[in-house]
Amino acid sequence: MPVNIELLLHRLQERFGQTLDWFELPLAVFQLHSILDETEDYWERGPGASPANLAGIFHNLAIYGWMFATSTIPGHPQLGRGEADREARAADWLEVPQRLAGQ
């Protein structure tokens, strides 16, 4: 169940103000329960329970992926310039990089 934490905090702030006194804590807990109950009703029994009506392909679902086997191949193009370059950079880690030396 998704919970909008920002909305939750804004609603608590509207009800109790910027600070919460110790004697308001039980009321805040009940208010929090009420807000979470509204959220549950929306996502389980309300408009959020029905799937979105989308026509066509929803293209915003792609993620970048890679295979573990790629990381075990020395010098693979997806990993940069290779093992030799990595060893050279590790050997001179105290030296100033060339691009910063001229500044």
Foldseek 3Di string as FASTA:
>chain_A
DDDDVVVLVVVLCVVANPDDDPVCVVVNVVVSVVVVVVVCCCCCPRPVVDDDDDPDDDPPPDDDDDDPVQVVDFCRVVVPRGDVVVVVCVVPVPDDDPVPPVD
